[in-house]
């Protein structure tokens, strides 16, 4: 294989990998935004006792 052919194959592979990484970042970002849209339902772990999470007898 010539250097030009190797260079073009590597460039194509790098572009494909870059697109996959960008797609992954967009997916994670969109899932995060979707979860934050319903912010009132989120409960953080803040070391506070919350009766609504305890079992009732």
Protein backbone atom coordinates (compact mmCIF):
# COMPACT_ATOMS: atom_id res chain seq x y z
CA UNK A 1 0.00 0.00 0.00
CA UNK A 2 1.16 3.47 -0.74
CA UNK A 3 1.44 6.20 1.83
CA UNK A 4 -1.40 8.10 0.18
CA UNK A 5 -3.74 5.13 0.44
CA UNK A 6 -2.84 4.53 4.09
CA UNK A 7 -3.35 8.24 4.82
CA UNK A 8 -6.80 8.26 3.19
CA UNK A 9 -7.87 5.10 5.05
CA UNK A 10 -6.72 6.53 8.39
CA UNK A 11 -8.46 9.81 7.67
CA UNK A 12 -11.70 8.01 6.87
CA UNK A 13 -11.44 5.90 10.02
CA UNK A 14 -10.70 8.95 12.16
CA UNK A 15 -13.69 10.80 10.73
CA UNK A 16 -15.97 7.85 11.43
CA UNK A 17 -14.68 7.56 14.99
CA UNK A 18 -15.17 11.30 15.47
CA UNK A 19 -18.77 11.05 14.26
CA UNK A 20 -19.46 8.15 16.62
CA UNK A 21 -18.00 10.09 19.56
CA UNK A 22 -20.01 13.20 18.69
CA UNK A 23 -23.18 11.09 18.42
CA UNK A 24 -22.48 9.59 21.85
CA UNK A 25 -21.95 13.01 23.41
CA UNK A 26 -25.19 14.30 21.86
CA UNK A 27 -27.04 11.23 23.16
CA UNK A 28 -25.75 11.67 26.72
CA UNK A 29 -26.46 15.41 26.62
CA UNK A 30 -30.01 14.92 25.36
CA UNK A 31 -30.74 12.27 28.01
CA UNK A 32 -29.41 14.63 30.67
CA UNK A 33 -31.56 17.50 29.42
CA UNK A 34 -34.62 15.23 29.28
CA UNK A 35 -34.06 14.16 32.88
CA UNK A 36 -33.59 17.75 34.02
CA UNK A 37 -36.84 18.89 32.38
CA UNK A 38 -38.78 17.11 35.12
CA UNK A 39 -36.69 18.70 37.86
CA UNK A 40 -39.40 18.56 40.49
CA UNK A 41 -39.24 14.76 40.49
CA UNK A 42 -35.50 14.62 41.05
CA UNK A 43 -34.33 13.95 44.58
CA UNK A 44 -30.68 14.40 45.38
CA UNK A 45 -28.76 12.50 48.01
CA UNK A 46 -28.32 15.30 50.51
CA UNK A 47 -28.10 13.38 53.83
CA UNK A 48 -31.53 14.56 54.96
CA UNK A 49 -34.15 12.21 56.31
CA UNK A 50 -37.25 12.25 54.11
CA UNK A 51 -40.40 10.59 55.38
CA UNK A 52 -41.80 10.04 51.87
CA UNK A 53 -38.98 7.57 51.18
CA UNK A 54 -39.42 5.51 54.34
CA UNK A 55 -41.54 2.40 54.46
CA UNK A 56 -44.85 2.66 56.25
CA UNK A 57 -45.97 -0.12 58.60
